[in-house]
Amino acid sequence: MSTRKFSSHVLNTSTGKAAAYIKVTTSRLDELQEWKAIRPTQTDSDGRCQLLDPAEFSSGIYKLTFHVGAYFAEQNIKTFYPAVELIVDCSENQNYHVPLLLSPYGYTTYRGT
């Protein structure tokens, strides 16, 4: 059983605040090279979320879909991005933290710890 962690944190850089309650869907690339959705989650009030439980998290290629359009719509803010998709390779036996720095017309990400 794995004890590795797979998590994210979303920060709205246009306000300098956590992006709370954004739906995030985690998918895994299967042996047929097709995406299989594993489970949805959402960021908490501090913009953080555990993407998968340790027992679900194994080495592989994952797609994280951040459904940011609804987040901005709730604030009556127009955005260029209805969703942000990130594809990451989690092939090493390590923890993976994927922060998303977000604004209505841009985003950046990196591998955190």
PDB file of N, CA and C in Angstrom:
ATOM      1  N   MET A   1       0.837  -1.165   0.000  1.00  0.00           N
ATOM      2  CA  MET A   1       0.000   0.000   0.000  1.00  0.00           C
ATOM      3  C   MET A   1       0.892   1.241   0.000  1.00  0.00           C
ATOM      4  N   SER A   2       0.561   2.186  -0.854  1.00  0.00           N
ATOM      5  CA  SER A   2       1.357   3.389  -1.020  1.00  0.00           C
ATOM      6  C   SER A   2       1.082   4.396   0.092  1.00  0.00           C
ATOM      7  N   THR A   3       2.119   5.126   0.476  1.00  0.00           N
ATOM      8  CA  THR A   3       1.951   6.220   1.428  1.00  0.00           C
ATOM      9  C   THR A   3       2.315   7.549   0.772  1.00  0.00           C
ATOM     10  N   ARG A   4       2.484   7.548  -0.529  1.00  0.00           N
ATOM     11  CA  ARG A   4       2.811   8.782  -1.253  1.00  0.00           C
ATOM     12  C   ARG A   4       1.597   9.696  -1.299  1.00  0.00           C
ATOM     13  N   LYS A   5       1.862  10.991  -1.390  1.00  0.00           N
ATOM     14  CA  LYS A   5       0.783  11.968  -1.455  1.00  0.00           C
ATOM     15  C   LYS A   5       0.756  12.637  -2.817  1.00  0.00           C
ATOM     16  N   PHE A   6      -0.456  12.954  -3.276  1.00  0.00           N
ATOM     17  CA  PHE A   6      -0.689  13.626  -4.551  1.00  0.00           C
ATOM     18  C   PHE A   6      -1.682  14.743  -4.264  1.00  0.00           C
ATOM     19  N   SER A   7      -1.205  15.980  -4.302  1.00  0.00           N
ATOM     20  CA  SER A   7      -2.035  17.093  -3.861  1.00  0.00           C
ATOM     21  C   SER A   7      -1.863  18.317  -4.759  1.00  0.00           C
ATOM     22  N   SER A   8      -2.708  19.322  -4.522  1.00  0.00           N
ATOM     23  CA  SER A   8      -2.647  20.560  -5.277  1.00  0.00           C
ATOM     24  C   SER A   8      -3.042  21.730  -4.385  1.00  0.00           C
ATOM     25  N   HIS A   9      -2.741  22.921  -4.869  1.00  0.00           N
ATOM     26  CA  HIS A   9      -3.089  24.166  -4.198  1.00  0.00           C
ATOM     27  C   HIS A   9      -3.321  25.181  -5.301  1.00  0.00           C
ATOM     28  N   VAL A  10      -4.456  25.876  -5.277  1.00  0.00           N
ATOM     29  CA  VAL A  10      -4.766  26.867  -6.301  1.00  0.00           C
ATOM     30  C   VAL A  10      -4.814  28.239  -5.654  1.00  0.00           C
ATOM     31  N   LEU A  11      -4.049  29.158  -6.228  1.00  0.00           N
ATOM     32  CA  LEU A  11      -4.005  30.527  -5.743  1.00  0.00           C
ATOM     33  C   LEU A  11      -4.438  31.465  -6.865  1.00  0.00           C
ATOM     34  N   ASN A  12      -5.390  32.335  -6.565  1.00  0.00           N
ATOM     35  CA  ASN A  12      -5.832  33.342  -7.521  1.00  0.00           C
ATOM     36  C   ASN A  12      -4.857  34.509  -7.417  1.00  0.00           C
ATOM     37  N   THR A  13      -3.962  34.633  -8.391  1.00  0.00           N
ATOM     38  CA  THR A  13      -2.926  35.655  -8.316  1.00  0.00           C
ATOM     39  C   THR A  13      -3.466  37.054  -8.584  1.00  0.00           C
ATOM     40  N   SER A  14      -4.666  37.173  -9.136  1.00  0.00           N
ATOM     41  CA  SER A  14      -5.239  38.503  -9.357  1.00  0.00           C
ATOM     42  C   SER A  14      -5.806  39.097  -8.069  1.00  0.00           C
ATOM     43  N   THR A  15      -6.090  38.243  -7.079  1.00  0.00           N
ATOM     44  CA  THR A  15      -6.586  38.725  -5.790  1.00  0.00           C
ATOM     45  C   THR A  15      -5.603  38.452  -4.661  1.00  0.00           C
ATOM     46  N   GLY A  16      -4.648  37.557  -4.901  1.00  0.00           N
ATOM     47  CA  GLY A  16      -3.705  37.176  -3.858  1.00  0.00           C
ATOM     48  C   GLY A  16      -4.313  36.265  -2.817  1.00  0.00           C
ATOM     49  N   LYS A  17      -5.430  35.618  -3.163  1.00  0.00           N
ATOM     50  CA  LYS A  17      -6.132  34.755  -2.212  1.00  0.00           C
ATOM     51  C   LYS A  17      -6.255  33.336  -2.764  1.00  0.00           C
ATOM     52  N   ALA A  18      -6.501  32.413  -1.862  1.00  0.00           N
ATOM     53  CA  ALA A  18      -6.733  31.021  -2.252  1.00  0.00           C
ATOM     54  C   ALA A  18      -7.968  30.932  -3.138  1.00  0.00           C
ATOM     55  N   ALA A  19      -7.928  30.033  -4.109  1.00  0.00           N
ATOM     56  CA  ALA A  19      -9.073  29.791  -4.987  1.00  0.00           C
ATOM     57  C   ALA A  19      -9.872  28.624  -4.407  1.00  0.00           C
ATOM     58  N   ALA A  20     -10.891  28.971  -3.647  1.00  0.00           N
ATOM     59  CA  ALA A  20     -11.666  27.982  -2.902  1.00  0.00           C
ATOM     60  C   ALA A  20     -12.746  27.339  -3.763  1.00  0.00           C
ATOM     61  N   TYR A  21     -12.964  26.057  -3.514  1.00  0.00           N
ATOM     62  CA  TYR A  21     -14.075  25.280  -4.055  1.00  0.00           C
ATOM     63  C   TYR A  21     -14.056  25.138  -5.583  1.00  0.00           C
ATOM     64  N   ILE A  22     -12.869  24.978  -6.148  1.00  0.00           N
ATOM     65  CA  ILE A  22     -12.738  24.669  -7.571  1.00  0.00           C
ATOM     66  C   ILE A  22     -12.785  23.157  -7.722  1.00  0.00           C
ATOM     67  N   LYS A  23     -13.639  22.679  -8.619  1.00  0.00           N
ATOM     68  CA  LYS A  23     -13.717  21.236  -8.901  1.00  0.00           C
ATOM     69  C   LYS A  23     -12.460  20.830  -9.673  1.00  0.00           C
ATOM     70  N   VAL A  24     -11.880  19.693  -9.262  1.00  0.00           N
ATOM     71  CA  VAL A  24     -10.690  19.144  -9.915  1.00  0.00           C
ATOM     72  C   VAL A  24     -10.960  17.674 -10.222  1.00  0.00           C
ATOM     73  N   THR A  25     -10.778  17.293 -11.475  1.00  0.00           N
ATOM     74  CA  THR A  25     -10.934  15.896 -11.874  1.00  0.00           C
ATOM     75  C   THR A  25      -9.551  15.319 -12.164  1.00  0.00           C
ATOM     76  N   THR A  26      -9.244  14.190 -11.535  1.00  0.00           N
ATOM     77  CA  THR A  26      -7.978  13.499 -11.757  1.00  0.00           C
ATOM     78  C   THR A  26      -8.244  12.282 -12.646  1.00  0.00           C
ATOM     79  N   SER A  27      -7.489  12.202 -13.749  1.00  0.00           N
ATOM     80  CA  SER A  27      -7.584  11.072 -14.680  1.00  0.00           C
ATOM     81  C   SER A  27      -6.205  10.457 -14.824  1.00  0.00           C
ATOM     82  N   ARG A  28      -6.186   9.171 -15.191  1.00  0.00           N
ATOM     83  CA  ARG A  28      -4.919   8.458 -15.382  1.00  0.00           C
ATOM     84  C   ARG A  28      -4.886   7.876 -16.786  1.00  0.00           C
ATOM     85  N   LEU A  29      -3.730   7.947 -17.432  1.00  0.00           N
ATOM     86  CA  LEU A  29      -3.548   7.362 -18.755  1.00  0.00           C
ATOM     87  C   LEU A  29      -3.404   5.857 -18.592  1.00  0.00           C
ATOM     88  N   ASP A  30      -4.295   5.092 -19.230  1.00  0.00           N
ATOM     89  CA  ASP A  30      -4.253   3.635 -19.060  1.00  0.00           C
ATOM     90  C   ASP A  30      -3.359   2.978 -20.113  1.00  0.00           C
ATOM     91  N   GLU A  31      -3.296   1.662 -20.065  1.00  0.00           N
ATOM     92  CA  GLU A  31      -2.413   0.911 -20.966  1.00  0.00           C
ATOM     93  C   GLU A  31      -2.818   1.024 -22.435  1.00  0.00           C
ATOM     94  N   LEU A  32      -4.052   1.432 -22.713  1.00  0.00           N
ATOM     95  CA  LEU A  32      -4.521   1.642 -24.085  1.00  0.00           C
ATOM     96  C   LEU A  32      -4.327   3.089 -24.533  1.00  0.00           C
ATOM     97  N   GLN A  33      -3.621   3.873 -23.702  1.00  0.00           N
ATOM     98  CA  GLN A  33      -3.368   5.285 -23.965  1.00  0.00           C
ATOM     99  C   GLN A  33      -4.660   6.111 -24.005  1.00  0.00           C
ATOM    100  N   GLU A  34      -5.588   5.750 -23.131  1.00  0.00           N
ATOM    101  CA  GLU A  34      -6.845   6.489 -22.992  1.00  0.00           C
ATOM    102  C   GLU A  34      -6.941   7.005 -21.562  1.00  0.00           C
ATOM    103  N   TRP A  35      -7.554   8.168 -21.417  1.00  0.00           N
ATOM    104  CA  TRP A  35      -7.711   8.759 -20.091  1.00  0.00           C
ATOM    105  C   TRP A  35      -8.868   8.105 -19.357  1.00  0.00           C
ATOM    106  N   LYS A  36      -8.621   7.704 -18.128  1.00  0.00           N
ATOM    107  CA  LYS A  36      -9.657   7.115 -17.284  1.00  0.00           C
ATOM    108  C   LYS A  36      -9.816   8.026 -16.064  1.00  0.00           C
ATOM    109  N   ALA A  37     -10.990   8.637 -15.939  1.00  0.00           N
ATOM    110  CA  ALA A  37     -11.250   9.496 -14.784  1.00  0.00           C
ATOM    111  C   ALA A  37     -11.270   8.634 -13.530  1.00  0.00           C
ATOM    112  N   ILE A  38     -10.548   9.069 -12.512  1.00  0.00           N
ATOM    113  CA  ILE A  38     -10.484   8.308 -11.271  1.00  0.00           C
ATOM    114  C   ILE A  38     -11.491   8.833 -10.269  1.00  0.00           C
ATOM    115  N   ARG A  39     -11.429  10.137 -10.020  1.00  0.00           N
ATOM    116  CA  ARG A  39     -12.418  10.725  -9.123  1.00  0.00           C
ATOM    117  C   ARG A  39     -12.319  12.238  -9.156  1.00  0.00           C
ATOM    118  N   PRO A  40     -13.442  12.888  -8.916  1.00  0.00           N
ATOM    119  CA  PRO A  40     -13.424  14.347  -8.775  1.00  0.00           C
ATOM    120  C   PRO A  40     -13.210  14.723  -7.310  1.00  0.00           C
ATOM    121  N   THR A  41     -12.693  15.891  -7.111  1.00  0.00           N
ATOM    122  CA  THR A  41     -12.563  16.468  -5.777  1.00  0.00           C
ATOM    123  C   THR A  41     -12.719  17.971  -5.941  1.00  0.00           C
ATOM    124  N   GLN A  42     -12.507  18.722  -4.893  1.00  0.00           N
ATOM    125  CA  GLN A  42     -12.498  20.172  -5.033  1.00  0.00           C
ATOM    126  C   GLN A  42     -11.572  20.773  -3.994  1.00  0.00           C
ATOM    127  N   THR A  43     -11.110  21.971  -4.305  1.00  0.00           N
ATOM    128  CA  THR A  43     -10.258  22.656  -3.350  1.00  0.00           C
ATOM    129  C   THR A  43     -11.090  23.058  -2.135  1.00  0.00           C
ATOM    130  N   ASP A  44     -10.418  23.128  -0.992  1.00  0.00           N
ATOM    131  CA  ASP A  44     -11.103  23.535   0.236  1.00  0.00           C
ATOM    132  C   ASP A  44     -11.092  25.062   0.354  1.00  0.00           C
ATOM    133  N   SER A  45     -11.458  25.591   1.498  1.00  0.00           N
ATOM    134  CA  SER A  45     -11.525  27.046   1.679  1.00  0.00           C
ATOM    135  C   SER A  45     -10.160  27.709   1.575  1.00  0.00           C
ATOM    136  N   ASP A  46      -9.083  26.927   1.719  1.00  0.00           N
ATOM    137  CA  ASP A  46      -7.721  27.436   1.587  1.00  0.00           C
ATOM    138  C   ASP A  46      -7.137  27.131   0.206  1.00  0.00           C
ATOM    139  N   GLY A  47      -7.967  26.661  -0.732  1.00  0.00           N
ATOM    140  CA  GLY A  47      -7.522  26.372  -2.092  1.00  0.00           C
ATOM    141  C   GLY A  47      -6.730  25.092  -2.244  1.00  0.00           C
ATOM    142  N   ARG A  48      -6.742  24.235  -1.236  1.00  0.00           N
ATOM    143  CA  ARG A  48      -5.946  23.004  -1.266  1.00  0.00           C
ATOM    144  C   ARG A  48      -6.835  21.780  -1.450  1.00  0.00           C
ATOM    145  N   CYS A  49      -6.241  20.737  -2.034  1.00  0.00           N
ATOM    146  CA  CYS A  49      -6.980  19.473  -2.123  1.00  0.00           C
ATOM    147  C   CYS A  49      -6.012  18.307  -2.253  1.00  0.00           C
ATOM    148  N   GLN A  50      -6.459  17.176  -1.732  1.00  0.00           N
ATOM    149  CA  GLN A  50      -5.769  15.901  -1.922  1.00  0.00           C
ATOM    150  C   GLN A  50      -6.354  15.322  -3.199  1.00  0.00           C
ATOM    151  N   LEU A  51      -5.549  15.115  -4.229  1.00  0.00           N
ATOM    152  CA  LEU A  51      -6.060  14.666  -5.522  1.00  0.00           C
ATOM    153  C   LEU A  51      -6.478  13.205  -5.496  1.00  0.00           C
ATOM    154  N   LEU A  52      -5.681  12.364  -4.842  1.00  0.00           N
ATOM    155  CA  LEU A  52      -5.994  10.942  -4.712  1.00  0.00           C
ATOM    156  C   LEU A  52      -5.627  10.490  -3.312  1.00  0.00           C
ATOM    157  N   ASP A  53      -6.328   9.494  -2.826  1.00  0.00           N
ATOM    158  CA  ASP A  53      -5.936   8.860  -1.580  1.00  0.00           C
ATOM    159  C   ASP A  53      -4.660   8.065  -1.843  1.00  0.00           C
ATOM    160  N   PRO A  54      -3.799   7.901  -0.845  1.00  0.00           N
ATOM    161  CA  PRO A  54      -2.551   7.154  -1.060  1.00  0.00           C
ATOM    162  C   PRO A  54      -2.766   5.763  -1.667  1.00  0.00           C
ATOM    163  N   ALA A  55      -3.834   5.074  -1.297  1.00  0.00           N
ATOM    164  CA  ALA A  55      -4.093   3.729  -1.824  1.00  0.00           C
ATOM    165  C   ALA A  55      -4.429   3.750  -3.321  1.00  0.00           C
ATOM    166  N   GLU A  56      -4.941   4.884  -3.831  1.00  0.00           N
ATOM    167  CA  GLU A  56      -5.297   5.015  -5.247  1.00  0.00           C
ATOM    168  C   GLU A  56      -4.122   5.484  -6.101  1.00  0.00           C
ATOM    169  N   PHE A  57      -3.088   6.005  -5.466  1.00  0.00           N
ATOM    170  CA  PHE A  57      -2.008   6.692  -6.177  1.00  0.00           C
ATOM    171  C   PHE A  57      -0.839   5.761  -6.470  1.00  0.00           C
ATOM    172  N   SER A  58      -0.650   5.475  -7.756  1.00  0.00           N
ATOM    173  CA  SER A  58       0.482   4.662  -8.194  1.00  0.00           C
ATOM    174  C   SER A  58       1.219   5.413  -9.297  1.00  0.00           C
ATOM    175  N   SER A  59       2.373   4.928  -9.667  1.00  0.00           N
ATOM    176  CA  SER A  59       3.137   5.567 -10.733  1.00  0.00           C
ATOM    177  C   SER A  59       2.322   5.599 -12.015  1.00  0.00           C
ATOM    178  N   GLY A  60       2.488   6.678 -12.785  1.00  0.00           N
ATOM    179  CA  GLY A  60       1.780   6.792 -14.047  1.00  0.00           C
ATOM    180  C   GLY A  60       1.691   8.229 -14.509  1.00  0.00           C
ATOM    181  N   ILE A  61       0.994   8.421 -15.605  1.00  0.00           N
ATOM    182  CA  ILE A  61       0.770   9.749 -16.163  1.00  0.00           C
ATOM    183  C   ILE A  61      -0.663  10.149 -15.836  1.00  0.00           C
ATOM    184  N   TYR A  62      -0.797  11.333 -15.265  1.00  0.00           N
ATOM    185  CA  TYR A  62      -2.086  11.833 -14.794  1.00  0.00           C
ATOM    186  C   TYR A  62      -2.449  13.137 -15.487  1.00  0.00           C
ATOM    187  N   LYS A  63      -3.754  13.339 -15.658  1.00  0.00           N
ATOM    188  CA  LYS A  63      -4.278  14.608 -16.158  1.00  0.00           C
ATOM    189  C   LYS A  63      -5.129  15.215 -15.057  1.00  0.00           C
ATOM    190  N   LEU A  64      -4.819  16.450 -14.702  1.00  0.00           N
ATOM    191  CA  LEU A  64      -5.586  17.180 -13.705  1.00  0.00           C
ATOM    192  C   LEU A  64      -6.390  18.240 -14.441  1.00  0.00           C
ATOM    193  N   THR A  65      -7.706  18.186 -14.293  1.00  0.00           N
ATOM    194  CA  THR A  65      -8.580  19.168 -14.927  1.00  0.00           C
ATOM    195  C   THR A  65      -9.170  20.053 -13.848  1.00  0.00           C
ATOM    196  N   PHE A  66      -8.764  21.309 -13.862  1.00  0.00           N
ATOM    197  CA  PHE A  66      -9.268  22.303 -12.928  1.00  0.00           C
ATOM    198  C   PHE A  66     -10.406  23.042 -13.626  1.00  0.00           C
ATOM    199  N   HIS A  67     -11.606  22.917 -13.117  1.00  0.00           N
ATOM    200  CA  HIS A  67     -12.793  23.514 -13.732  1.00  0.00           C
ATOM    201  C   HIS A  67     -12.935  24.954 -13.229  1.00  0.00           C
ATOM    202  N   VAL A  68     -12.107  25.843 -13.796  1.00  0.00           N
ATOM    203  CA  VAL A  68     -12.002  27.212 -13.288  1.00  0.00           C
ATOM    204  C   VAL A  68     -13.084  28.142 -13.827  1.00  0.00           C
ATOM    205  N   GLY A  69     -13.742  27.769 -14.908  1.00  0.00           N
ATOM    206  CA  GLY A  69     -14.797  28.625 -15.472  1.00  0.00           C
ATOM    207  C   GLY A  69     -15.903  28.896 -14.474  1.00  0.00           C
ATOM    208  N   ALA A  70     -16.348  27.868 -13.778  1.00  0.00           N
ATOM    209  CA  ALA A  70     -17.412  28.027 -12.783  1.00  0.00           C
ATOM    210  C   ALA A  70     -16.943  28.891 -11.612  1.00  0.00           C
ATOM    211  N   TYR A  71     -15.679  28.727 -11.228  1.00  0.00           N
ATOM    212  CA  TYR A  71     -15.112  29.531 -10.137  1.00  0.00           C
ATOM    213  C   TYR A  71     -15.184  31.020 -10.485  1.00  0.00           C
ATOM    214  N   PHE A  72     -14.745  31.385 -11.692  1.00  0.00           N
ATOM    215  CA  PHE A  72     -14.778  32.790 -12.090  1.00  0.00           C
ATOM    216  C   PHE A  72     -16.210  33.273 -12.317  1.00  0.00           C
ATOM    217  N   ALA A  73     -17.069  32.433 -12.879  1.00  0.00           N
ATOM    218  CA  ALA A  73     -18.464  32.827 -13.121  1.00  0.00           C
ATOM    219  C   ALA A  73     -19.171  33.172 -11.813  1.00  0.00           C
ATOM    220  N   GLU A  74     -18.895  32.417 -10.754  1.00  0.00           N
ATOM    221  CA  GLU A  74     -19.511  32.702  -9.453  1.00  0.00           C
ATOM    222  C   GLU A  74     -19.123  34.071  -8.922  1.00  0.00           C
ATOM    223  N   GLN A  75     -17.978  34.579  -9.365  1.00  0.00           N
ATOM    224  CA  GLN A  75     -17.514  35.896  -8.947  1.00  0.00           C
ATOM    225  C   GLN A  75     -17.845  36.976  -9.976  1.00  0.00           C
ATOM    226  N   ASN A  76     -18.584  36.579 -11.019  1.00  0.00           N
ATOM    227  CA  ASN A  76     -18.955  37.482 -12.107  1.00  0.00           C
ATOM    228  C   ASN A  76     -17.714  38.078 -12.790  1.00  0.00           C
ATOM    229  N   ILE A  77     -16.714  37.197 -12.998  1.00  0.00           N
ATOM    230  CA  ILE A  77     -15.471  37.592 -13.653  1.00  0.00           C
ATOM    231  C   ILE A  77     -15.339  36.796 -14.942  1.00  0.00           C
ATOM    232  N   LYS A  78     -15.119  37.510 -16.042  1.00  0.00           N
ATOM    233  CA  LYS A  78     -14.908  36.856 -17.332  1.00  0.00           C
ATOM    234  C   LYS A  78     -13.513  36.228 -17.351  1.00  0.00           C
ATOM    235  N   THR A  79     -13.429  35.027 -17.920  1.00  0.00           N
ATOM    236  CA  THR A  79     -12.139  34.335 -18.015  1.00  0.00           C
ATOM    237  C   THR A  79     -11.953  33.757 -19.408  1.00  0.00           C
ATOM    238  N   PHE A  80     -10.721  33.622 -19.802  1.00  0.00           N
ATOM    239  CA  PHE A  80     -10.367  33.008 -21.075  1.00  0.00           C
ATOM    240  C   PHE A  80     -10.383  31.492 -20.980  1.00  0.00           C
ATOM    241  N   TYR A  81     -10.281  30.963 -19.756  1.00  0.00           N
ATOM    242  CA  TYR A  81     -10.125  29.526 -19.541  1.00  0.00           C
ATOM    243  C   TYR A  81     -11.333  28.910 -18.842  1.00  0.00           C
ATOM    244  N   PRO A  82     -12.137  28.126 -19.530  1.00  0.00           N
ATOM    245  CA  PRO A  82     -13.209  27.398 -18.842  1.00  0.00           C
ATOM    246  C   PRO A  82     -12.648  26.266 -17.989  1.00  0.00           C
ATOM    247  N   ALA A  83     -11.479  25.764 -18.384  1.00  0.00           N
ATOM    248  CA  ALA A  83     -10.807  24.703 -17.630  1.00  0.00           C
ATOM    249  C   ALA A  83      -9.314  24.796 -17.904  1.00  0.00           C
ATOM    250  N   VAL A  84      -8.538  24.327 -16.948  1.00  0.00           N
ATOM    251  CA  VAL A  84      -7.089  24.220 -17.107  1.00  0.00           C
ATOM    252  C   VAL A  84      -6.745  22.747 -16.950  1.00  0.00           C
ATOM    253  N   GLU A  85      -6.072  22.184 -17.963  1.00  0.00           N
ATOM    254  CA  GLU A  85      -5.654  20.790 -17.899  1.00  0.00           C
ATOM    255  C   GLU A  85      -4.137  20.717 -17.816  1.00  0.00           C
ATOM    256  N   LEU A  86      -3.672  19.964 -16.831  1.00  0.00           N
ATOM    257  CA  LEU A  86      -2.246  19.750 -16.648  1.00  0.00           C
ATOM    258  C   LEU A  86      -1.977  18.255 -16.738  1.00  0.00           C
ATOM    259  N   ILE A  87      -0.958  17.882 -17.487  1.00  0.00           N
ATOM    260  CA  ILE A  87      -0.576  16.484 -17.601  1.00  0.00           C
ATOM    261  C   ILE A  87       0.782  16.329 -16.933  1.00  0.00           C
ATOM    262  N   VAL A  88       0.842  15.409 -15.967  1.00  0.00           N
ATOM    263  CA  VAL A  88       2.050  15.232 -15.170  1.00  0.00           C
ATOM    264  C   VAL A  88       2.460  13.763 -15.130  1.00  0.00           C
ATOM    265  N   ASP A  89       3.757  13.551 -15.085  1.00  0.00           N
ATOM    266  CA  ASP A  89       4.323  12.203 -15.033  1.00  0.00           C
ATOM    267  C   ASP A  89       4.782  11.925 -13.607  1.00  0.00           C
ATOM    268  N   CYS A  90       4.080  11.065 -12.942  1.00  0.00           N
ATOM    269  CA  CYS A  90       4.379  10.714 -11.543  1.00  0.00           C
ATOM    270  C   CYS A  90       4.997   9.321 -11.509  1.00  0.00           C
ATOM    271  N   SER A  91       6.149   9.188 -12.131  1.00  0.00           N
ATOM    272  CA  SER A  91       6.750   7.861 -12.252  1.00  0.00           C
ATOM    273  C   SER A  91       7.755   7.539 -11.152  1.00  0.00           C
ATOM    274  N   GLU A  92       8.159   8.537 -10.383  1.00  0.00           N
ATOM    275  CA  GLU A  92       9.096   8.283  -9.294  1.00  0.00           C
ATOM    276  C   GLU A  92       8.327   8.024  -8.009  1.00  0.00           C
ATOM    277  N   ASN A  93       8.909   7.270  -7.132  1.00  0.00           N
ATOM    278  CA  ASN A  93       8.261   6.924  -5.869  1.00  0.00           C
ATOM    279  C   ASN A  93       8.444   8.084  -4.880  1.00  0.00           C
ATOM    280  N   GLN A  94       7.705   9.178  -5.125  1.00  0.00           N
ATOM    281  CA  GLN A  94       7.818  10.392  -4.325  1.00  0.00           C
ATOM    282  C   GLN A  94       6.440  11.002  -4.119  1.00  0.00           C
ATOM    283  N   ASN A  95       6.384  12.021  -3.265  1.00  0.00           N
ATOM    284  CA  ASN A  95       5.180  12.826  -3.132  1.00  0.00           C
ATOM    285  C   ASN A  95       5.122  13.807  -4.299  1.00  0.00           C
ATOM    286  N   TYR A  96       3.912  14.145  -4.723  1.00  0.00           N
ATOM    287  CA  TYR A  96       3.732  15.109  -5.801  1.00  0.00           C
ATOM    288  C   TYR A  96       2.730  16.158  -5.352  1.00  0.00           C
ATOM    289  N   HIS A  97       3.156  17.423  -5.429  1.00  0.00           N
ATOM    290  CA  HIS A  97       2.288  18.549  -5.116  1.00  0.00           C
ATOM    291  C   HIS A  97       2.316  19.450  -6.344  1.00  0.00           C
ATOM    292  N   VAL A  98       1.129  19.768  -6.889  1.00  0.00           N
ATOM    293  CA  VAL A  98       1.035  20.522  -8.137  1.00  0.00           C
ATOM    294  C   VAL A  98       0.268  21.821  -7.887  1.00  0.00           C
ATOM    295  N   PRO A  99       0.970  22.910  -7.577  1.00  0.00           N
ATOM    296  CA  PRO A  99       0.302  24.191  -7.391  1.00  0.00           C
ATOM    297  C   PRO A  99      -0.125  24.792  -8.736  1.00  0.00           C
ATOM    298  N   LEU A 100      -1.235  25.525  -8.714  1.00  0.00           N
ATOM    299  CA  LEU A 100      -1.723  26.245  -9.882  1.00  0.00           C
ATOM    300  C   LEU A 100      -1.899  27.698  -9.473  1.00  0.00           C
ATOM    301  N   LEU A 101      -1.156  28.583 -10.120  1.00  0.00           N
ATOM    302  CA  LEU A 101      -1.277  30.018  -9.901  1.00  0.00           C
ATOM    303  C   LEU A 101      -2.155  30.544 -11.029  1.00  0.00           C
ATOM    304  N   LEU A 102      -3.287  31.109 -10.686  1.00  0.00           N
ATOM    305  CA  LEU A 102      -4.371  31.351 -11.631  1.00  0.00           C
ATOM    306  C   LEU A 102      -4.791  32.812 -11.660  1.00  0.00           C
ATOM    307  N   SER A 103      -5.103  33.310 -12.849  1.00  0.00           N
ATOM    308  CA  SER A 103      -5.779  34.587 -13.022  1.00  0.00           C
ATOM    309  C   SER A 103      -6.759  34.398 -14.178  1.00  0.00           C
ATOM    310  N   PRO A 104      -7.661  35.345 -14.416  1.00  0.00           N
ATOM    311  CA  PRO A 104      -8.655  35.143 -15.475  1.00  0.00           C
ATOM    312  C   PRO A 104      -8.069  34.956 -16.875  1.00  0.00           C
ATOM    313  N   TYR A 105      -6.856  35.473 -17.117  1.00  0.00           N
ATOM    314  CA  TYR A 105      -6.290  35.401 -18.463  1.00  0.00           C
ATOM    315  C   TYR A 105      -4.903  34.775 -18.511  1.00  0.00           C
ATOM    316  N   GLY A 106      -4.559  34.022 -17.485  1.00  0.00           N
ATOM    317  CA  GLY A 106      -3.268  33.349 -17.489  1.00  0.00           C
ATOM    318  C   GLY A 106      -3.143  32.405 -16.297  1.00  0.00           C
ATOM    319  N   TYR A 107      -2.199  31.491 -16.406  1.00  0.00           N
ATOM    320  CA  TYR A 107      -1.906  30.593 -15.298  1.00  0.00           C
ATOM    321  C   TYR A 107      -0.483  30.079 -15.436  1.00  0.00           C
ATOM    322  N   THR A 108       0.040  29.600 -14.330  1.00  0.00           N
ATOM    323  CA  THR A 108       1.337  28.951 -14.319  1.00  0.00           C
ATOM    324  C   THR A 108       1.286  27.835 -13.283  1.00  0.00           C
ATOM    325  N   THR A 109       2.177  26.908 -13.394  1.00  0.00           N
ATOM    326  CA  THR A 109       2.217  25.788 -12.476  1.00  0.00           C
ATOM    327  C   THR A 109       3.658  25.326 -12.324  1.00  0.00           C
ATOM    328  N   TYR A 110       3.898  24.512 -11.342  1.00  0.00           N
ATOM    329  CA  TYR A 110       5.220  23.960 -11.112  1.00  0.00           C
ATOM    330  C   TYR A 110       5.078  22.740 -10.220  1.00  0.00           C
ATOM    331  N   ARG A 111       6.144  21.998 -10.097  1.00  0.00           N
ATOM    332  CA  ARG A 111       6.121  20.853  -9.192  1.00  0.00           C
ATOM    333  C   ARG A 111       6.605  21.328  -7.824  1.00  0.00           C
ATOM    334  N   GLY A 112       5.715  21.269  -6.870  1.00  0.00           N
ATOM    335  CA  GLY A 112       6.059  21.669  -5.521  1.00  0.00           C
ATOM    336  C   GLY A 112       6.454  20.458  -4.693  1.00  0.00           C
ATOM    337  N   THR A 113       6.597  20.686  -3.393  1.00  0.00           N
ATOM    338  CA  THR A 113       6.977  19.603  -2.492  1.00  0.00           C
ATOM    339  C   THR A 113       5.933  19.411  -1.410  1.00  0.00           C
TER     340      THR A 113
END
